[in-house]
C-alpha atoms as a PDB file:
ATOM      1  CA  MET A   1     -38.263  31.706  23.820  1.00  0.00           C
ATOM      2  CA  THR A   2     -40.646  30.592  26.401  1.00  0.00           C
ATOM      3  CA  HIS A   3     -39.124  27.201  27.251  1.00  0.00           C
ATOM      4  CA  ARG A   4     -35.926  25.176  26.695  1.00  0.00           C
ATOM      5  CA  PRO A   5     -35.774  24.220  23.052  1.00  0.00           C
ATOM      6  CA  GLU A   6     -35.768  20.454  22.540  1.00  0.00           C
ATOM      7  CA  ASN A   7     -32.673  20.747  20.219  1.00  0.00           C
ATOM      8  CA  LEU A   8     -30.707  23.115  22.564  1.00  0.00           C
ATOM      9  CA  LEU A   9     -27.867  20.656  23.486  1.00  0.00           C
ATOM     10  CA  THR A  10     -27.541  19.446  19.914  1.00  0.00           C
ATOM     11  CA  VAL A  11     -27.242  22.971  18.543  1.00  0.00           C
ATOM     12  CA  TRP A  12     -24.877  24.007  21.472  1.00  0.00           C
ATOM     13  CA  ALA A  13     -22.593  21.079  20.793  1.00  0.00           C
ATOM     14  CA  ASP A  14     -22.538  21.649  17.050  1.00  0.00           C
ATOM     15  CA  ALA A  15     -21.715  25.333  17.593  1.00  0.00           C
ATOM     16  CA  LEU A  16     -18.942  24.408  19.942  1.00  0.00           C
ATOM     17  CA  LEU A  17     -17.305  21.886  17.652  1.00  0.00           C
ATOM     18  CA  ASP A  18     -17.650  24.276  14.730  1.00  0.00           C
ATOM     19  CA  ALA A  19     -15.698  26.928  16.651  1.00  0.00           C
ATOM     20  CA  LEU A  20     -12.992  24.431  17.681  1.00  0.00           C
ATOM     21  CA  ALA A  21     -12.585  23.211  14.102  1.00  0.00           C
ATOM     22  CA  ARG A  22     -12.446  26.721  12.677  1.00  0.00           C
ATOM     23  CA  ALA A  23      -9.787  27.619  15.273  1.00  0.00           C
ATOM     24  CA  GLY A  24      -7.541  24.892  14.077  1.00  0.00           C
ATOM     25  CA  VAL A  25      -8.506  21.596  15.752  1.00  0.00           C
ATOM     26  CA  ARG A  26      -8.337  18.636  13.228  1.00  0.00           C
ATOM     27  CA  ASP A  27      -8.088  15.534  15.451  1.00  0.00           C
ATOM     28  CA  VAL A  28     -10.430  14.419  18.249  1.00  0.00           C
ATOM     29  CA  VAL A  29      -9.163  11.719  20.627  1.00  0.00           C
ATOM     30  CA  VAL A  30     -12.203  10.238  22.310  1.00  0.00           C
ATOM     31  CA  SER A  31     -12.478   8.515  25.679  1.00  0.00           C
ATOM     32  CA  PRO A  32     -15.579   6.351  26.437  1.00  0.00           C
ATOM     33  CA  GLY A  33     -18.491   7.778  28.368  1.00  0.00           C
ATOM     34  CA  SER A  34     -22.058   8.929  28.069  1.00  0.00           C
ATOM     35  CA  ARG A  35     -21.966  12.572  29.231  1.00  0.00           C
ATOM     36  CA  SER A  36     -19.642  13.513  26.278  1.00  0.00           C
ATOM     37  CA  THR A  37     -22.041  11.988  23.781  1.00  0.00           C
ATOM     38  CA  PRO A  38     -23.470  15.304  22.310  1.00  0.00           C
ATOM     39  CA  PHE A  39     -19.979  16.603  21.702  1.00  0.00           C
ATOM     40  CA  LEU A  40     -18.709  13.306  20.158  1.00  0.00           C
ATOM     41  CA  LEU A  41     -21.638  13.184  17.807  1.00  0.00           C
ATOM     42  CA  ALA A  42     -21.141  16.819  16.894  1.00  0.00           C
ATOM     43  CA  ALA A  43     -17.531  16.000  16.010  1.00  0.00           C
ATOM     44  CA  ALA A  44     -18.616  12.895  14.073  1.00  0.00           C
ATOM     45  CA  ARG A  45     -20.944  14.966  11.913  1.00  0.00           C
ATOM     46  CA  ARG A  46     -18.003  17.086  10.620  1.00  0.00           C
ATOM     47  CA  ASP A  47     -15.880  16.125   7.590  1.00  0.00           C
ATOM     48  CA  ASP A  48     -12.978  18.230   8.680  1.00  0.00           C
ATOM     49  CA  LEU A  49     -12.400  16.398  12.040  1.00  0.00           C
ATOM     50  CA  SER A  50     -10.732  12.965  12.399  1.00  0.00           C
ATOM     51  CA  LEU A  51     -11.950  10.840  15.393  1.00  0.00           C
ATOM     52  CA  HIS A  52      -9.552   8.533  17.316  1.00  0.00           C
ATOM     53  CA  PRO A  53     -11.406   6.464  19.903  1.00  0.00           C
ATOM     54  CA  VAL A  54      -9.129   5.103  22.653  1.00  0.00           C
ATOM     55  CA  LEU A  55     -10.523   3.006  25.501  1.00  0.00           C
ATOM     56  CA  ASP A  56      -8.238   3.898  28.275  1.00  0.00           C
ATOM     57  CA  GLU A  57      -8.139   7.605  29.313  1.00  0.00           C
ATOM     58  CA  ARG A  58      -4.363   7.581  30.133  1.00  0.00           C
ATOM     59  CA  ALA A  59      -3.517   5.978  26.886  1.00  0.00           C
ATOM     60  CA  ALA A  60      -5.826   8.398  25.066  1.00  0.00           C
ATOM     61  CA  SER A  61      -4.097  11.359  26.647  1.00  0.00           C
ATOM     62  CA  PHE A  62      -0.665  10.293  25.539  1.00  0.00           C
ATOM     63  CA  PHE A  63      -1.877   9.358  22.058  1.00  0.00           C
ATOM     64  CA  ALA A  64      -3.042  12.947  21.869  1.00  0.00           C
ATOM     65  CA  LEU A  65       0.268  14.137  22.911  1.00  0.00           C
ATOM     66  CA  GLY A  66       1.875  12.098  20.151  1.00  0.00           C
ATOM     67  CA  LEU A  67      -0.508  13.770  17.560  1.00  0.00           C
ATOM     68  CA  ALA A  68       0.428  17.273  18.902  1.00  0.00           C
ATOM     69  CA  ARG A  69       4.139  16.414  18.624  1.00  0.00           C
ATOM     70  CA  VAL A  70       3.868  14.967  15.076  1.00  0.00           C
ATOM     71  CA  THR A  71       1.462  17.610  13.582  1.00  0.00           C
ATOM     72  CA  GLY A  72       2.138  20.733  15.613  1.00  0.00           C
ATOM     73  CA  ARG A  73      -1.587  21.183  15.792  1.00  0.00           C
ATOM     74  CA  PRO A  74      -3.760  21.065  18.948  1.00  0.00           C
ATOM     75  CA  PRO A  75      -5.723  17.764  19.256  1.00  0.00           C
ATOM     76  CA  LEU A  76      -9.021  17.868  21.093  1.00  0.00           C
ATOM     77  CA  LEU A  77      -9.078  15.302  23.928  1.00  0.00           C
ATOM     78  CA  LEU A  78     -12.691  14.539  24.800  1.00  0.00           C
ATOM     79  CA  CYS A  79     -13.975  12.654  27.980  1.00  0.00           C
ATOM     80  CA  THR A  80     -17.029  12.258  30.186  1.00  0.00           C
ATOM     81  CA  SER A  81     -17.525  13.705  33.615  1.00  0.00           C
ATOM     82  CA  GLY A  82     -16.253  12.692  36.998  1.00  0.00           C
ATOM     83  CA  THR A  83     -12.835  10.962  37.326  1.00  0.00           C
ATOM     84  CA  ALA A  84     -12.232  10.603  33.582  1.00  0.00           C
ATOM     85  CA  PRO A  85     -10.499  13.990  33.131  1.00  0.00           C
ATOM     86  CA  ALA A  86      -8.343  13.261  36.173  1.00  0.00           C
ATOM     87  CA  HIS A  87      -6.694  10.341  34.209  1.00  0.00           C
ATOM     88  CA  TYR A  88      -5.423  12.945  31.756  1.00  0.00           C
ATOM     89  CA  TYR A  89      -3.356  14.687  34.382  1.00  0.00           C
ATOM     90  CA  PRO A  90       0.079  13.127  33.625  1.00  0.00           C
ATOM     91  CA  ALA A  91      -0.317  13.929  29.963  1.00  0.00           C
ATOM     92  CA  VAL A  92      -1.382  17.534  30.776  1.00  0.00           C
ATOM     93  CA  ILE A  93       1.703  18.033  32.829  1.00  0.00           C
ATOM     94  CA  GLU A  94       3.824  16.574  30.001  1.00  0.00           C
ATOM     95  CA  ALA A  95       2.129  18.899  27.440  1.00  0.00           C
ATOM     96  CA  SER A  96       2.798  21.894  29.777  1.00  0.00           C
ATOM     97  CA  GLU A  97       6.457  21.076  30.279  1.00  0.00           C
ATOM     98  CA  ALA A  98       7.075  20.117  26.597  1.00  0.00           C
ATOM     99  CA  SER A  99       5.090  23.152  25.239  1.00  0.00           C
ATOM    100  CA  LEU A 100       2.770  20.894  23.249  1.00  0.00           C
ATOM    101  CA  PRO A 101      -0.681  22.312  22.241  1.00  0.00           C
ATOM    102  CA  LEU A 102      -3.576  20.262  23.700  1.00  0.00           C
ATOM    103  CA  VAL A 103      -7.207  21.051  24.263  1.00  0.00           C
ATOM    104  CA  VAL A 104      -9.044  18.995  26.869  1.00  0.00           C
ATOM    105  CA  LEU A 105     -12.876  19.121  26.558  1.00  0.00           C
ATOM    106  CA  SER A 106     -14.291  17.641  29.772  1.00  0.00           C
ATOM    107  CA  ALA A 107     -18.022  17.059  29.645  1.00  0.00           C
ATOM    108  CA  ASP A 108     -19.704  17.895  32.933  1.00  0.00           C
ATOM    109  CA  ARG A 109     -23.047  17.375  34.732  1.00  0.00           C
ATOM    110  CA  PRO A 110     -25.485  20.304  34.785  1.00  0.00           C
ATOM    111  CA  THR A 111     -25.229  22.792  37.575  1.00  0.00           C
ATOM    112  CA  GLU A 112     -28.221  21.379  39.579  1.00  0.00           C
ATOM    113  CA  LEU A 113     -26.349  18.117  40.066  1.00  0.00           C
ATOM    114  CA  TRP A 114     -23.263  19.650  41.706  1.00  0.00           C
ATOM    115  CA  GLY A 115     -22.904  18.940  45.367  1.00  0.00           C
ATOM    116  CA  THR A 116     -25.758  16.484  45.421  1.00  0.00           C
ATOM    117  CA  GLY A 117     -23.776  13.176  45.436  1.00  0.00           C
ATOM    118  CA  ALA A 118     -24.929  12.365  41.879  1.00  0.00           C
ATOM    119  CA  PRO A 119     -22.769   9.634  40.082  1.00  0.00           C
ATOM    120  CA  GLN A 120     -19.704  10.850  38.298  1.00  0.00           C
ATOM    121  CA  THR A 121     -20.091  14.366  39.481  1.00  0.00           C
ATOM    122  CA  THR A 122     -17.260  16.320  40.982  1.00  0.00           C
ATOM    123  CA  ASP A 123     -15.737  19.768  40.754  1.00  0.00           C
ATOM    124  CA  GLN A 124     -13.925  19.784  37.410  1.00  0.00           C
ATOM    125  CA  ARG A 125     -13.294  23.551  37.389  1.00  0.00           C
ATOM    126  CA  ALA A 126      -9.568  24.425  36.794  1.00  0.00           C
ATOM    127  CA  LEU A 127      -8.831  20.715  37.390  1.00  0.00           C
ATOM    128  CA  TYR A 128      -5.256  20.950  36.141  1.00  0.00           C
ATOM    129  CA  GLY A 129      -4.259  24.008  38.095  1.00  0.00           C
ATOM    130  CA  VAL A 130      -1.079  25.798  37.160  1.00  0.00           C
ATOM    131  CA  HIS A 131      -0.253  23.191  34.422  1.00  0.00           C
ATOM    132  CA  ALA A 132      -3.019  24.501  32.144  1.00  0.00           C
ATOM    133  CA  ARG A 133      -2.454  27.641  30.106  1.00  0.00           C
ATOM    134  CA  ALA A 134      -6.157  28.544  30.491  1.00  0.00           C
ATOM    135  CA  PHE A 135      -9.405  27.211  31.839  1.00  0.00           C
ATOM    136  CA  VAL A 136     -12.769  27.931  30.253  1.00  0.00           C
ATOM    137  CA  ASP A 137     -16.097  26.932  31.867  1.00  0.00           C
ATOM    138  CA  LEU A 138     -18.834  27.183  29.149  1.00  0.00           C
ATOM    139  CA  GLY A 139     -21.659  26.933  31.823  1.00  0.00           C
ATOM    140  CA  ASP A 140     -24.963  25.336  31.021  1.00  0.00           C
ATOM    141  CA  ALA A 141     -26.230  25.411  27.430  1.00  0.00           C
ATOM    142  CA  ASP A 142     -28.130  28.626  26.779  1.00  0.00           C
ATOM    143  CA  PRO A 143     -30.241  29.458  23.628  1.00  0.00           C
ATOM    144  CA  SER A 144     -29.704  33.216  23.728  1.00  0.00           C
ATOM    145  CA  PRO A 145     -27.761  34.744  20.777  1.00  0.00           C
ATOM    146  CA  ARG A 146     -25.305  36.393  23.215  1.00  0.00           C
ATOM    147  CA  ALA A 147     -24.519  33.103  24.962  1.00  0.00           C
ATOM    148  CA  LEU A 148     -23.964  31.198  21.661  1.00  0.00           C
ATOM    149  CA  ARG A 149     -21.613  33.940  20.425  1.00  0.00           C
ATOM    150  CA  ALA A 150     -19.766  34.077  23.751  1.00  0.00           C
ATOM    151  CA  MET A 151     -19.333  30.288  23.915  1.00  0.00           C
ATOM    152  CA  ARG A 152     -17.944  30.134  20.374  1.00  0.00           C
ATOM    153  CA  SER A 153     -15.534  33.049  21.062  1.00  0.00           C
ATOM    154  CA  ALA A 154     -14.349  31.365  24.283  1.00  0.00           C
ATOM    155  CA  ALA A 155     -13.632  28.154  22.512  1.00  0.00           C
ATOM    156  CA  ALA A 156     -11.659  29.807  19.741  1.00  0.00           C
ATOM    157  CA  ARG A 157      -9.606  31.774  22.257  1.00  0.00           C
ATOM    158  CA  ALA A 158      -8.904  28.568  24.171  1.00  0.00           C
ATOM    159  CA  VAL A 159      -7.470  26.970  20.978  1.00  0.00           C
ATOM    160  CA  GLN A 160      -5.424  30.090  20.282  1.00  0.00           C
ATOM    161  CA  THR A 161      -4.016  29.960  23.921  1.00  0.00           C
ATOM    162  CA  ALA A 162      -3.061  26.304  23.354  1.00  0.00           C
ATOM    163  CA  VAL A 163      -1.142  27.093  20.219  1.00  0.00           C
ATOM    164  CA  GLY A 164       0.957  29.827  21.516  1.00  0.00           C
ATOM    165  CA  PRO A 165       3.047  31.853  21.648  1.00  0.00           C
ATOM    166  CA  ALA A 166       3.672  29.738  24.743  1.00  0.00           C
ATOM    167  CA  PRO A 167       2.068  26.425  23.591  1.00  0.00           C
ATOM    168  CA  GLY A 168       0.574  24.140  26.147  1.00  0.00           C
ATOM    169  CA  PRO A 169      -2.677  22.462  27.425  1.00  0.00           C
ATOM    170  CA  VAL A 170      -5.949  24.188  28.011  1.00  0.00           C
ATOM    171  CA  GLN A 171      -9.198  22.863  29.586  1.00  0.00           C
ATOM    172  CA  ILE A 172     -12.725  23.591  28.400  1.00  0.00           C
ATOM    173  CA  ASN A 173     -15.489  22.399  30.745  1.00  0.00           C
ATOM    174  CA  ALA A 174     -18.873  21.889  29.015  1.00  0.00           C
ATOM    175  CA  ARG A 175     -21.930  20.881  30.954  1.00  0.00           C
ATOM    176  CA  ALA A 176     -24.512  18.748  29.347  1.00  0.00           C
ATOM    177  CA  ARG A 177     -28.160  18.129  30.597  1.00  0.00           C
ATOM    178  CA  LYS A 178     -30.125  15.152  29.523  1.00  0.00           C
ATOM    179  CA  PRO A 179     -31.359  14.087  26.995  1.00  0.00           C
ATOM    180  CA  LEU A 180     -27.846  13.597  25.554  1.00  0.00           C
ATOM    181  CA  GLU A 181     -28.865  12.045  22.225  1.00  0.00           C
ATOM    182  CA  PRO A 182     -29.357  14.268  19.122  1.00  0.00           C
ATOM    183  CA  ARG A 183     -32.668  16.070  18.862  1.00  0.00           C
ATOM    184  CA  ALA A 184     -34.119  17.664  15.764  1.00  0.00           C
ATOM    185  CA  ALA A 185     -36.095  20.926  15.854  1.00  0.00           C
ATOM    186  CA  GLU A 186     -39.830  20.271  16.310  1.00  0.00           C
ATOM    187  CA  SER A 187     -41.265  23.254  18.149  1.00  0.00           C
ATOM    188  CA  GLU A 188     -41.277  26.894  17.081  1.00  0.00           C
ATOM    189  CA  GLU A 189     -38.530  27.589  19.563  1.00  0.00           C
ATOM    190  CA  GLY A 190     -36.457  24.726  18.256  1.00  0.00           C
ATOM    191  CA  HIS A 191     -36.643  26.022  14.639  1.00  0.00           C
ATOM    192  CA  ALA A 192     -35.829  29.522  15.776  1.00  0.00           C
ATOM    193  CA  LEU A 193     -32.752  28.268  17.615  1.00  0.00           C
ATOM    194  CA  ALA A 194     -31.567  26.271  14.550  1.00  0.00           C
ATOM    195  CA  ALA A 195     -31.995  29.326  12.376  1.00  0.00           C
ATOM    196  CA  LEU A 196     -30.173  31.506  14.816  1.00  0.00           C
ATOM    197  CA  ALA A 197     -27.154  29.119  15.000  1.00  0.00           C
ATOM    198  CA  ALA A 198     -27.039  28.887  11.213  1.00  0.00           C
ATOM    199  CA  SER A 199     -26.913  32.691  10.984  1.00  0.00           C
ATOM    200  CA  LEU A 200     -24.049  33.198  13.387  1.00  0.00           C
ATOM    201  CA  PRO A 201     -20.821  34.526  11.758  1.00  0.00           C
ATOM    202  CA  PRO A 202     -17.860  32.135  11.747  1.00  0.00           C
ATOM    203  CA  VAL A 203     -15.348  32.515  14.439  1.00  0.00           C
ATOM    204  CA  ARG A 204     -11.760  33.089  13.575  1.00  0.00           C
ATOM    205  CA  ALA A 205      -8.910  32.619  16.090  1.00  0.00           C
ATOM    206  CA  ALA A 206      -6.245  35.306  16.033  1.00  0.00           C
ATOM    207  CA  ARG A 207      -2.766  34.183  14.916  1.00  0.00           C
ATOM    208  CA  VAL A 208       0.358  35.532  16.674  1.00  0.00           C
ATOM    209  CA  THR A 209       2.794  36.815  14.010  1.00  0.00           C
ATOM    210  CA  LEU A 210       6.082  38.572  14.052  1.00  0.00           C
ATOM    211  CA  GLU A 211       5.573  42.256  13.262  1.00  0.00           C
ATOM    212  CA  SER A 212       7.689  43.891  10.586  1.00  0.00           C
ATOM    213  CA  PRO A 213       9.642  46.146  12.906  1.00  0.00           C
ATOM    214  CA  ALA A 214      10.513  43.277  15.239  1.00  0.00           C
ATOM    215  CA  LEU A 215      11.582  41.132  12.280  1.00  0.00           C
ATOM    216  CA  ALA A 216      13.764  44.050  10.959  1.00  0.00           C
ATOM    217  CA  HIS A 217      15.401  44.346  14.376  1.00  0.00           C
ATOM    218  CA  VAL A 218      16.274  40.608  14.347  1.00  0.00           C
ATOM    219  CA  ILE A 219      17.748  40.865  10.783  1.00  0.00           C
ATOM    220  CA  GLU A 220      19.825  43.901  11.818  1.00  0.00           C
ATOM    221  CA  ALA A 221      21.083  42.077  14.900  1.00  0.00           C
ATOM    222  CA  VAL A 222      22.089  39.023  12.851  1.00  0.00           C
ATOM    223  CA  GLU A 223      23.809  41.111  10.157  1.00  0.00           C
ATOM    224  CA  ALA A 224      25.778  42.983  12.796  1.00  0.00           C
ATOM    225  CA  SER A 225      26.973  39.726  14.493  1.00  0.00           C
ATOM    226  CA  ARG A 226      30.416  38.267  13.738  1.00  0.00           C
ATOM    227  CA  ARG A 227      29.341  34.790  14.698  1.00  0.00           C
ATOM    228  CA  VAL A 228      25.702  33.354  14.596  1.00  0.00           C
ATOM    229  CA  ALA A 229      24.395  30.191  16.202  1.00  0.00           C
ATOM    230  CA  VAL A 230      21.009  28.653  15.504  1.00  0.00           C
ATOM    231  CA  VAL A 231      19.585  26.712  18.468  1.00  0.00           C
ATOM    232  CA  ALA A 232      16.851  24.354  17.407  1.00  0.00           C
ATOM    233  CA  GLY A 233      14.544  22.959  20.071  1.00  0.00           C
ATOM    234  CA  PRO A 234      11.656  20.380  19.662  1.00  0.00           C
ATOM    235  CA  LEU A 235       9.889  20.655  16.341  1.00  0.00           C
ATOM    236  CA  PRO A 236       6.923  18.764  14.745  1.00  0.00           C
ATOM    237  CA  LEU A 237       7.718  16.170  12.151  1.00  0.00           C
ATOM    238  CA  ASP A 238       6.402  18.423   9.361  1.00  0.00           C
ATOM    239  CA  ALA A 239       8.696  21.322  10.402  1.00  0.00           C
ATOM    240  CA  PRO A 240      10.340  23.026   7.378  1.00  0.00           C
ATOM    241  CA  ARG A 241      13.722  21.321   7.976  1.00  0.00           C
ATOM    242  CA  GLU A 242      15.321  22.166   4.638  1.00  0.00           C
ATOM    243  CA  ALA A 243      14.365  25.870   4.957  1.00  0.00           C
ATOM    244  CA  ILE A 244      15.927  25.978   8.378  1.00  0.00           C
ATOM    245  CA  LEU A 245      19.126  24.300   7.196  1.00  0.00           C
ATOM    246  CA  ALA A 246      19.267  26.584   4.187  1.00  0.00           C
ATOM    247  CA  LEU A 247      19.034  29.589   6.443  1.00  0.00           C
ATOM    248  CA  THR A 248      21.722  28.207   8.742  1.00  0.00           C
ATOM    249  CA  ARG A 249      24.064  27.704   5.760  1.00  0.00           C
ATOM    250  CA  LYS A 250      23.289  31.210   4.280  1.00  0.00           C
ATOM    251  CA  LEU A 251      24.116  32.819   7.645  1.00  0.00           C
ATOM    252  CA  GLY A 252      27.309  30.714   7.932  1.00  0.00           C
ATOM    253  CA  ALA A 253      25.953  29.744  11.359  1.00  0.00           C
ATOM    254  CA  SER A 254      26.625  26.797  13.610  1.00  0.00           C
ATOM    255  CA  LEU A 255      23.485  24.621  14.334  1.00  0.00           C
ATOM    256  CA  TRP A 256      22.844  23.355  17.784  1.00  0.00           C
ATOM    257  CA  ALA A 257      20.037  20.792  17.271  1.00  0.00           C
ATOM    258  CA  GLU A 258      18.194  19.265  20.148  1.00  0.00           C
ATOM    259  CA  ALA A 259      17.464  15.561  19.837  1.00  0.00           C
ATOM    260  CA  SER A 260      13.755  16.131  18.994  1.00  0.00           C
ATOM    261  CA  SER A 261      14.352  18.979  16.696  1.00  0.00           C
ATOM    262  CA  GLN A 262      13.910  16.730  13.488  1.00  0.00           C
ATOM    263  CA  LEU A 263      17.235  18.289  12.292  1.00  0.00           C
ATOM    264  CA  ARG A 264      19.769  15.680  13.327  1.00  0.00           C
ATOM    265  CA  PHE A 265      18.820  13.228  10.560  1.00  0.00           C
ATOM    266  CA  THR A 266      18.184  13.440   6.857  1.00  0.00           C
ATOM    267  CA  GLU A 267      14.809  12.468   5.461  1.00  0.00           C
ATOM    268  CA  ARG A 268      16.290   9.053   4.771  1.00  0.00           C
ATOM    269  CA  GLY A 269      17.215   8.631   8.347  1.00  0.00           C
ATOM    270  CA  ASP A 270      20.939   9.172   7.935  1.00  0.00           C
ATOM    271  CA  VAL A 271      22.815  11.073  10.568  1.00  0.00           C
ATOM    272  CA  ARG A 272      23.325  14.612   9.343  1.00  0.00           C
ATOM    273  CA  ALA A 273      26.922  15.594   9.431  1.00  0.00           C
ATOM    274  CA  GLY A 274      28.548  19.117   9.459  1.00  0.00           C
ATOM    275  CA  ASP A 275      25.517  21.069  10.750  1.00  0.00           C
ATOM    276  CA  ALA A 276      25.641  20.377  14.528  1.00  0.00           C
END
């Protein structure tokens, strides 16, 4: 390709949101701003993503935390560049301490604007420090097949990290160069890029599962125990409560249920007696 395709940012944003959705993101909480426009529009073009616009960044971040707590899935928290992602900081700390999955997508200015005093331009790299489980800088949009594949894989891995086995927040930093509005393919390079993106294989985030030998070891340890206690920490609202309770009763175990475990009350809201 001899020059930057006119639809590069549109294709790049679509490929990014496709990877995030395939990795498990279903909700996108959107803060206002212009630099995040390509990513917002890419999300809006997808039927498998629900958009939740929230005007205030701090309110948006805690709304996203609520979604994570209720659904157990990692919401995407999208904002513009500059000070906007800094307003997410308290919620990021909360997500880290509460082990809630959260993906922050911070739009950024292109590399050539860094260090120039350009408006809403600051160093957003690893903004949340030790409170983020991972930080991914996608760099400037690149039309090469290798760059597109690497970007999509990095996004999927970020979602996987947010989900666990130690759930928590991750930050993805995505730079966007104007024009920010959607652009259709017009040139030969643009059509070639669109065809390349359409031919990319779908990304799949790995899932952490308990291997059979490890599970067998747990079963043996439980069967060999004279007394068993089940300790239930925070769980999403859609946790399999009845299955957990049935297992507890089958084992003849005592249940120690934390207040946010969803196990202290029946589905009708009555206090559950005899299990804790």
